[in-house]
Amino acid sequence: MTLPLIVYRSLRQHAFSTLVTAGSLALAGGLLMSVWMVKAQAQKSFLRTTTAFDAVLGARGSKLQLVLNAIFHLEASPGNLAWQDYEFIRHHPAVKTAIPIAVGDNLRGYRIVGTIPELFTDVEYAPGRTYAVAPGGRLFSPDAKEAVVGSFAASRLGLRVGDTFHPFHGLAYDPSAQHADLFTVVGILEPSNTPLDRVVLIPIKGVQTMSGHDPRAATDISAVLIKLRSSTAGFMLDIMINKQGNRLTLAYPVGAILADLFDKISWFDRVLALVAYLVALVAAASVLASIYNSMNSRKRDIAILRALGAGRGLVFGAVVAESACIGALGALGGFGVYFVLMEAVARVIRAQTGVVLSVGELHPVLALAPAGLVVLCALGGVVPAIKAYRIPVAENLAPVS
């Protein structure tokens, strides 16, 4: 009998224990690949999203809060700026582009962001790519009660060009906090895989003069998104605003601020990875225990194989190969677990941040993790293989009474 046939018949004979063990390995492999890929893709996607802007100017406070609020639309605004602060930074020779935003309202849970048309015409969210309105729509007019809706928000809210809506006060949806102002949707953004996909954009004057807002803050803004002419300009502004001033905050460089955030929460990734490693070790140990404990019932089969001419090396290799095959089955199942977990996580991250993770993106861990499972299981099969290697032939050829 050939080695593959021996392994196949043994796996079929112990199908239940094989499937249970392979399932445990699949869970471990899928979890490990998911944790690794979510970490790698999320960090890369978040950092890529910030390339449109080098810095954010806001009220005195946390730089991280300022970045999360102004770019990712996740946090509350730390405070307001005067329109004069925007004019000052816009005309500074170190600044290439300055985009003011005003927040504080929502449309059924999706944030409304007041801004200027230059956000669509002067900002590249990726090299050579600007925010574009889908065919059949247009940009809002700066002085009109009009809106351009991100693709994801439009899909979830069921909005199309020509629809109208009343904003709601605050960042959290409260049906009783509806504004009297009526806005008309004039455009839907093409998908950009950025946080703007999940916001509703209106003229900044629409936020500043909205009914129910404090008229004394009619020219206030929440933050200014800044594209600099050079990196040295950023350090100069950092000294002037953050170190010499005491009223405003310049979050610069944006990428370093986000990288620091990922460093602070990296312990969570390590905990999940540790859990996956432990599950894999337990599953590999179960392969060892399952095959080792079945050696007593296999003694006669092994003795017959030996009597038919199978050498000790073939028997040893068959047991190790069986363990490796169980690991391979678990690795294949791990890809199924991985795709399910990644799809679920990607949906949540996109809904909450607008950042898109690619389930089908390739990474070395997608090859290393399955290979590691197979090797681990093969090593787990060495001990029962040694036991099979040592089974005496003559003593086990007698028929079972």
Protein backbone atom coordinates (compact mmCIF):
# COMPACT_ATOMS: atom_id res chain seq x y z
CA MET A 1 0.00 0.00 0.00
CA THR A 2 1.21 3.50 -0.81
CA LEU A 3 1.62 6.22 1.79
CA PRO A 4 -1.26 8.43 0.49
CA LEU A 5 -3.68 5.50 0.55
CA ILE A 6 -2.70 4.56 4.11
CA VAL A 7 -3.22 8.15 5.27
CA TYR A 8 -6.54 8.47 3.44
CA ARG A 9 -7.99 5.31 4.95
CA SER A 10 -6.87 6.28 8.42
CA LEU A 11 -8.44 9.73 8.14
CA ARG A 12 -11.68 8.21 6.85
CA GLN A 13 -11.73 5.65 9.64
CA HIS A 14 -11.36 8.42 12.26
CA ALA A 15 -13.44 11.02 10.40
CA PHE A 16 -15.25 12.48 13.42
CA SER A 17 -12.16 13.21 15.50
CA THR A 18 -10.41 14.46 12.37
CA LEU A 19 -13.16 16.99 11.63
CA VAL A 20 -13.39 18.20 15.23
CA THR A 21 -9.65 18.75 15.46
CA ALA A 22 -9.51 20.38 12.02
CA GLY A 23 -12.32 22.71 13.11
CA SER A 24 -10.30 23.87 16.11
CA LEU A 25 -7.32 24.48 13.84
CA ALA A 26 -9.52 26.40 11.38
CA LEU A 27 -10.71 28.69 14.16
CA ALA A 28 -7.14 29.34 15.28
CA GLY A 29 -5.86 29.95 11.76
CA GLY A 30 -8.77 32.17 10.77
CA LEU A 31 -8.51 34.24 13.94
CA LEU A 32 -4.76 34.68 13.58
CA MET A 33 -4.99 35.74 9.92
CA SER A 34 -7.89 38.10 10.66
CA VAL A 35 -6.15 39.82 13.57
CA TRP A 36 -2.99 40.29 11.54
CA MET A 37 -4.77 41.55 8.42
CA VAL A 38 -7.12 43.92 10.26
CA LYS A 39 -4.15 45.47 12.03
CA ALA A 40 -2.06 45.82 8.88
CA GLN A 41 -4.86 47.03 6.62
CA ALA A 42 -6.48 49.36 9.14
CA GLN A 43 -3.22 51.14 9.89
CA LYS A 44 -2.36 51.44 6.21
CA SER A 45 -5.87 52.61 5.26
CA PHE A 46 -6.09 55.17 8.04
CA LEU A 47 -2.67 56.59 7.23
CA ARG A 48 -3.48 56.66 3.51
CA THR A 49 -6.67 58.61 4.27
CA THR A 50 -4.65 61.39 5.90
CA THR A 51 -2.49 62.04 2.83
CA ALA A 52 -4.95 64.67 1.59
CA PHE A 53 -3.94 66.95 4.48
CA ASP A 54 -0.74 67.58 6.40
CA ALA A 55 -2.20 69.31 9.45
CA VAL A 56 -5.39 70.34 11.20
CA LEU A 57 -5.89 73.66 12.99
CA GLY A 58 -8.39 73.72 15.83
CA ALA A 59 -9.18 74.97 19.31
CA ARG A 60 -6.71 74.34 22.12
CA GLY A 61 -6.83 70.72 23.15
CA SER A 62 -5.92 67.19 22.11
CA LYS A 63 -4.24 66.76 18.72
CA LEU A 64 -5.64 63.27 18.36
CA GLN A 65 -9.18 64.42 19.09
CA LEU A 66 -8.76 67.18 16.54
CA VAL A 67 -7.62 64.74 13.83
CA LEU A 68 -10.34 62.18 14.57
CA ASN A 69 -13.00 64.90 14.52
CA ALA A 70 -11.89 66.87 11.48
CA ILE A 71 -10.65 64.11 9.16
CA PHE A 72 -12.41 60.93 10.30
CA HIS A 73 -15.58 62.52 11.75
CA LEU A 74 -15.45 60.26 14.79
CA GLU A 75 -14.94 62.60 17.75
CA ALA A 76 -16.70 65.69 19.05
CA SER A 77 -15.14 69.04 18.23
CA PRO A 78 -12.80 70.30 20.99
CA GLY A 79 -14.10 73.84 20.42
CA ASN A 80 -14.60 76.52 17.83
CA LEU A 81 -12.33 78.92 15.94
CA ALA A 82 -13.13 82.40 14.75
CA TRP A 83 -13.38 82.97 11.01
CA GLN A 84 -10.39 85.31 11.37
CA ASP A 85 -8.25 82.31 12.40
CA TYR A 86 -9.14 80.63 9.11
CA GLU A 87 -8.31 83.77 7.15
CA PHE A 88 -4.97 84.05 8.92
CA ILE A 89 -3.90 80.49 8.17
CA ARG A 90 -5.31 80.59 4.62
CA HIS A 91 -3.10 83.55 3.72
CA HIS A 92 0.01 82.25 5.47
CA PRO A 93 2.82 81.76 2.92
CA ALA A 94 3.55 78.26 4.27
CA VAL A 95 0.01 77.05 3.50
CA LYS A 96 -0.94 75.71 0.09
CA THR A 97 -4.61 74.89 0.77
CA ALA A 98 -6.86 75.57 3.76
CA ILE A 99 -10.38 74.11 4.01
CA PRO A 100 -12.64 75.21 6.89
CA ILE A 101 -15.24 72.84 8.29
CA ALA A 102 -18.11 73.27 10.75
CA VAL A 103 -19.79 70.35 12.50
CA GLY A 104 -22.45 69.86 15.14
CA ASP A 105 -25.47 68.49 13.28
CA ASN A 106 -26.54 65.17 11.80
CA LEU A 107 -29.02 63.55 9.46
CA ARG A 108 -30.47 60.50 11.16
CA GLY A 109 -27.09 59.64 12.67
CA TYR A 110 -24.87 60.60 9.72
CA ARG A 111 -22.74 63.65 10.41
CA ILE A 112 -23.41 66.89 8.56
CA VAL A 113 -20.24 68.78 7.66
CA GLY A 114 -20.26 72.39 6.54
CA THR A 115 -17.45 73.28 4.17
CA ILE A 116 -16.54 75.17 1.00
CA PRO A 117 -16.57 73.99 -2.66
CA GLU A 118 -12.75 74.06 -2.72
CA LEU A 119 -12.79 70.77 -0.81
CA PHE A 120 -13.93 69.11 -4.05
CA THR A 121 -11.85 71.10 -6.51
CA ASP A 122 -8.54 71.80 -4.73
CA VAL A 123 -7.98 68.66 -2.63
CA GLU A 124 -6.57 65.35 -3.89
CA TYR A 125 -7.56 62.52 -1.54
CA ALA A 126 -5.18 60.29 -3.54
CA PRO A 127 -2.54 61.21 -6.11
CA GLY A 128 -4.35 62.69 -9.10
CA ARG A 129 -7.82 62.02 -7.66
CA THR A 130 -10.27 64.62 -6.38
CA TYR A 131 -13.72 64.14 -4.88
CA ALA A 132 -16.17 63.82 -7.78
CA VAL A 133 -19.94 64.06 -7.98
CA ALA A 134 -21.74 61.18 -9.68
CA PRO A 135 -23.37 61.87 -13.06
CA GLY A 136 -26.67 63.68 -12.76
CA GLY A 137 -25.55 65.80 -9.80
CA ARG A 138 -23.48 68.88 -9.11
CA LEU A 139 -21.64 70.66 -6.31
CA PHE A 140 -23.63 72.78 -3.87
CA SER A 141 -23.73 76.56 -4.22
CA PRO A 142 -21.94 78.33 -1.31
CA ASP A 143 -24.98 80.47 -0.44
CA ALA A 144 -27.77 77.94 -1.05
CA LYS A 145 -29.42 75.37 1.20
CA GLU A 146 -28.04 72.48 -0.81
CA ALA A 147 -26.18 69.29 0.01
CA VAL A 148 -23.76 66.81 -1.53
CA VAL A 149 -24.04 63.39 0.14
CA GLY A 150 -21.30 60.77 0.48
CA SER A 151 -21.98 57.54 -1.41
CA PHE A 152 -22.26 55.31 1.68
CA ALA A 153 -24.46 57.78 3.58
CA ALA A 154 -26.70 58.27 0.53
CA SER A 155 -27.14 54.51 0.20
CA ARG A 156 -27.99 54.04 3.87
CA LEU A 157 -30.28 57.08 4.03
CA GLY A 158 -31.96 56.33 0.71
CA LEU A 159 -31.18 59.77 -0.68
CA ARG A 160 -31.10 60.73 -4.35
CA VAL A 161 -30.58 63.96 -6.25
CA GLY A 162 -33.64 66.17 -5.74
CA ASP A 163 -34.57 64.80 -2.31
CA THR A 164 -34.93 67.19 0.62
CA PHE A 165 -34.21 66.83 4.33
CA HIS A 166 -34.22 68.65 7.66
CA PRO A 167 -30.99 68.43 9.71
CA PHE A 168 -31.01 67.40 13.37
CA HIS A 169 -29.03 69.21 16.04
CA GLY A 170 -26.09 67.46 17.69
CA LEU A 171 -23.85 64.58 16.61
CA ALA A 172 -26.23 61.93 17.97
CA TYR A 173 -29.62 61.47 16.31
CA ASP A 174 -32.50 62.84 18.37
CA PRO A 175 -35.85 62.98 16.49
CA SER A 176 -37.02 65.87 18.70
CA ALA A 177 -34.03 68.06 17.77
CA GLN A 178 -34.98 68.72 14.15
CA HIS A 179 -34.02 72.06 12.57
CA ALA A 180 -36.54 74.03 10.55
CA ASP A 181 -34.09 74.51 7.66
CA LEU A 182 -34.77 72.47 4.52
CA PHE A 183 -31.86 71.34 2.35
CA THR A 184 -31.99 69.87 -1.14
CA VAL A 185 -29.67 67.10 -2.32
CA VAL A 186 -27.95 68.29 -5.51
CA GLY A 187 -25.24 65.66 -5.78
CA ILE A 188 -24.04 62.23 -4.63
CA LEU A 189 -20.27 61.73 -4.31
CA GLU A 190 -18.59 58.98 -6.26
CA PRO A 191 -17.22 56.33 -3.83
CA SER A 192 -13.78 57.40 -2.60
CA ASN A 193 -13.19 54.87 0.21
CA THR A 194 -12.57 57.78 2.59
CA PRO A 195 -14.52 59.13 5.59
CA LEU A 196 -16.36 61.56 3.28
CA ASP A 197 -18.34 58.58 1.97
CA ARG A 198 -20.35 58.58 5.20
CA VAL A 199 -21.07 62.30 5.73
CA VAL A 200 -23.50 64.87 4.37
CA LEU A 201 -21.75 67.99 3.05
CA ILE A 202 -23.45 71.39 2.99
CA PRO A 203 -22.18 74.98 2.57
CA ILE A 204 -20.40 76.18 5.68
CA LYS A 205 -22.79 79.13 5.87
CA GLY A 206 -25.62 76.61 6.11
CA VAL A 207 -24.22 75.36 9.43
CA GLN A 208 -23.28 78.79 10.74
CA THR A 209 -26.70 80.35 10.10
CA MET A 210 -28.89 77.31 10.79
CA SER A 211 -31.95 77.96 12.92
CA GLY A 212 -31.42 77.09 16.57
CA HIS A 213 -27.69 77.83 16.48
CA ASP A 214 -26.25 80.63 18.61
CA PRO A 215 -26.26 83.76 16.41
CA ARG A 216 -23.15 84.98 18.25
CA ALA A 217 -21.25 82.10 16.66
CA ALA A 218 -22.50 82.81 13.14
CA THR A 219 -18.96 82.91 11.75
CA ASP A 220 -17.33 80.28 13.95
CA ILE A 221 -15.85 77.10 12.48
CA SER A 222 -14.79 73.77 14.00
CA ALA A 223 -11.40 73.24 12.33
CA VAL A 224 -9.26 73.99 9.30
CA LEU A 225 -7.82 71.21 7.14
CA ILE A 226 -4.40 72.25 5.87
CA LYS A 227 -2.12 71.23 3.01
CA LEU A 228 1.36 72.68 3.46
CA ARG A 229 3.90 73.73 0.87
CA SER A 230 6.73 71.86 2.63
CA SER A 231 7.48 69.82 5.75
CA THR A 232 9.68 72.56 7.16
CA ALA A 233 6.67 74.87 7.00
CA GLY A 234 4.82 72.49 9.29
CA PHE A 235 7.52 72.59 11.96
CA MET A 236 7.58 76.38 11.76
CA LEU A 237 3.80 76.60 12.26
CA ASP A 238 4.01 74.03 15.06
CA ILE A 239 6.43 76.26 16.99
CA MET A 240 4.39 79.39 16.32
CA ILE A 241 0.96 77.95 17.22
CA ASN A 242 1.61 75.16 19.73
CA LYS A 243 4.72 76.32 21.58
CA GLN A 244 4.52 80.11 21.38
CA GLY A 245 0.74 80.41 21.37
CA ASN A 246 -1.82 79.28 23.93
CA ARG A 247 -5.16 79.59 22.14
CA LEU A 248 -5.04 77.23 19.15
CA THR A 249 -3.71 73.74 18.39
CA LEU A 250 -2.00 72.61 15.21
CA ALA A 251 -2.16 68.83 14.81
CA TYR A 252 0.99 68.14 12.79
CA PRO A 253 2.07 65.83 11.29
CA VAL A 254 -1.24 64.02 10.99
CA GLY A 255 0.34 60.69 10.03
CA ALA A 256 2.58 60.63 13.11
CA ILE A 257 -0.37 61.39 15.39
CA LEU A 258 -2.33 58.43 14.00
CA ALA A 259 0.72 56.17 14.14
CA ASP A 260 1.03 57.02 17.82
CA LEU A 261 -2.62 56.01 18.31
CA PHE A 262 -1.99 52.60 16.72
CA ASP A 263 1.07 52.15 18.93
CA LYS A 264 -1.05 52.80 22.02
CA ILE A 265 -3.68 50.20 21.11
CA SER A 266 -1.25 47.61 19.74
CA TRP A 267 -1.54 45.66 23.03
CA PHE A 268 -5.07 44.64 21.98
CA ASP A 269 -3.76 43.13 18.74
CA ARG A 270 -1.14 41.22 20.70
CA VAL A 271 -3.77 39.83 23.07
CA LEU A 272 -5.91 38.56 20.17
CA ALA A 273 -2.85 37.08 18.46
CA LEU A 274 -1.87 35.35 21.71
CA VAL A 275 -5.35 33.84 21.94
CA ALA A 276 -5.00 32.55 18.38
CA TYR A 277 -1.57 31.06 19.14
CA LEU A 278 -2.95 29.31 22.23
CA VAL A 279 -5.91 27.91 20.30
CA ALA A 280 -3.49 26.61 17.65
CA LEU A 281 -1.29 24.95 20.31
CA VAL A 282 -4.30 23.33 21.98
CA ALA A 283 -5.55 22.09 18.61
CA ALA A 284 -2.11 20.69 17.74
CA ALA A 285 -1.98 18.99 21.13
CA SER A 286 -5.38 17.47 20.42
CA VAL A 287 -3.96 16.04 17.18
CA LEU A 288 -1.18 14.43 19.21
CA ALA A 289 -3.58 13.12 21.87
CA SER A 290 -6.13 11.84 19.34
CA ILE A 291 -3.63 9.88 17.27
CA TYR A 292 -1.60 8.73 20.28
CA ASN A 293 -4.66 7.39 22.08
CA SER A 294 -5.78 5.57 18.94
CA MET A 295 -2.51 3.66 18.70
CA ASN A 296 -3.87 0.79 20.83
CA SER A 297 -6.70 0.18 18.36
CA ARG A 298 -4.29 0.53 15.43
CA LYS A 299 -1.67 -1.94 16.66
CA ARG A 300 -3.06 -4.87 14.68
CA ASP A 301 -3.47 -2.76 11.51
CA ILE A 302 0.11 -1.56 11.79
CA ALA A 303 1.37 -5.09 12.43
CA ILE A 304 -0.44 -6.34 9.31
CA LEU A 305 1.12 -3.52 7.27
CA ARG A 306 4.52 -4.49 8.57
CA ALA A 307 3.89 -8.13 7.74
CA LEU A 308 2.92 -7.15 4.20
CA GLY A 309 6.28 -5.48 3.72
CA ALA A 310 5.80 -1.94 5.03
CA GLY A 311 8.96 -0.71 6.72
CA ARG A 312 9.17 1.13 10.00
CA GLY A 313 9.96 4.33 8.10
CA LEU A 314 6.72 4.04 6.11
CA VAL A 315 4.68 3.57 9.29
CA PHE A 316 6.41 6.50 10.95
CA GLY A 317 5.86 8.67 7.86
CA ALA A 318 2.20 7.66 7.62
CA VAL A 319 1.42 8.85 11.15
CA VAL A 320 3.28 12.15 10.67
CA ALA A 321 1.62 12.64 7.27
CA GLU A 322 -1.81 11.98 8.82
CA SER A 323 -1.14 14.68 11.42
CA ALA A 324 0.02 17.08 8.70
CA CYS A 325 -3.12 16.36 6.65
CA ILE A 326 -5.31 17.21 9.62
CA GLY A 327 -3.36 20.48 9.88
CA ALA A 328 -3.88 21.09 6.15
CA LEU A 329 -7.64 20.52 6.51
CA GLY A 330 -7.64 23.00 9.40
CA ALA A 331 -5.66 25.51 7.33
CA LEU A 332 -8.16 25.27 4.48
CA GLY A 333 -11.04 25.75 6.91
CA GLY A 334 -9.11 28.68 8.39
CA PHE A 335 -9.49 30.58 5.13
CA GLY A 336 -13.25 30.22 5.41
CA VAL A 337 -13.17 31.55 8.98
CA TYR A 338 -10.85 34.35 7.85
CA PHE A 339 -13.14 35.54 5.05
CA VAL A 340 -16.20 35.52 7.32
CA LEU A 341 -14.43 37.45 10.10
CA MET A 342 -12.77 39.94 7.72
CA GLU A 343 -16.02 40.64 5.90
CA ALA A 344 -17.81 41.32 9.19
CA VAL A 345 -15.01 43.54 10.54
CA ALA A 346 -14.68 45.40 7.22
CA ARG A 347 -18.40 46.19 7.24
CA VAL A 348 -18.23 47.57 10.78
CA ILE A 349 -15.12 49.67 10.10
CA ARG A 350 -16.59 51.10 6.92
CA ALA A 351 -19.90 51.93 8.60
CA GLN A 352 -18.16 53.62 11.54
CA THR A 353 -15.22 55.35 9.83
CA GLY A 354 -15.70 55.26 6.07
CA VAL A 355 -12.34 53.49 5.73
CA VAL A 356 -12.51 50.40 3.52
CA LEU A 357 -10.60 47.18 4.18
CA SER A 358 -9.96 44.78 1.29
CA VAL A 359 -10.90 41.21 2.17
CA GLY A 360 -9.07 39.87 -0.86
CA GLU A 361 -5.77 41.70 -0.31
CA LEU A 362 -2.72 39.44 -0.26
CA HIS A 363 -0.22 39.37 2.60
CA PRO A 364 2.58 36.96 3.60
CA VAL A 365 0.66 35.98 6.75
CA LEU A 366 -1.98 34.33 4.54
CA ALA A 367 0.68 31.81 3.52
CA LEU A 368 2.75 31.69 6.71
CA ALA A 369 -0.14 31.03 9.12
CA PRO A 370 -1.53 27.97 7.22
CA ALA A 371 1.98 26.63 6.68
CA GLY A 372 2.67 27.08 10.39
CA LEU A 373 -0.44 25.07 11.28
CA VAL A 374 0.63 22.19 9.04
CA VAL A 375 4.15 22.16 10.50
CA LEU A 376 2.82 22.39 14.05
CA CYS A 377 0.48 19.46 13.50
CA ALA A 378 3.22 17.42 11.82
CA LEU A 379 5.42 17.98 14.87
CA GLY A 380 2.49 16.94 17.05
CA GLY A 381 2.37 13.66 15.16
CA VAL A 382 5.99 12.76 15.90
CA VAL A 383 5.28 11.28 19.36
CA PRO A 384 2.50 8.89 18.22
CA ALA A 385 4.62 8.11 15.12
CA ILE A 386 7.46 6.97 17.41
CA LYS A 387 5.00 4.76 19.27
CA ALA A 388 3.79 3.27 15.98
CA TYR A 389 7.40 2.77 14.90
CA ARG A 390 8.06 0.64 17.97
CA ILE A 391 4.98 -1.63 17.76
CA PRO A 392 6.18 -5.27 17.66
CA VAL A 393 4.80 -7.22 14.72
CA ALA A 394 4.58 -10.78 16.10
CA GLU A 395 2.74 -9.83 19.29
CA ASN A 396 -0.01 -7.97 17.42
CA LEU A 397 -0.72 -10.32 14.49
CA ALA A 398 -2.83 -12.65 16.59
CA PRO A 399 -6.56 -12.23 15.83
CA VAL A 400 -8.58 -10.29 18.36
CA SER A 401 -10.82 -12.62 20.38
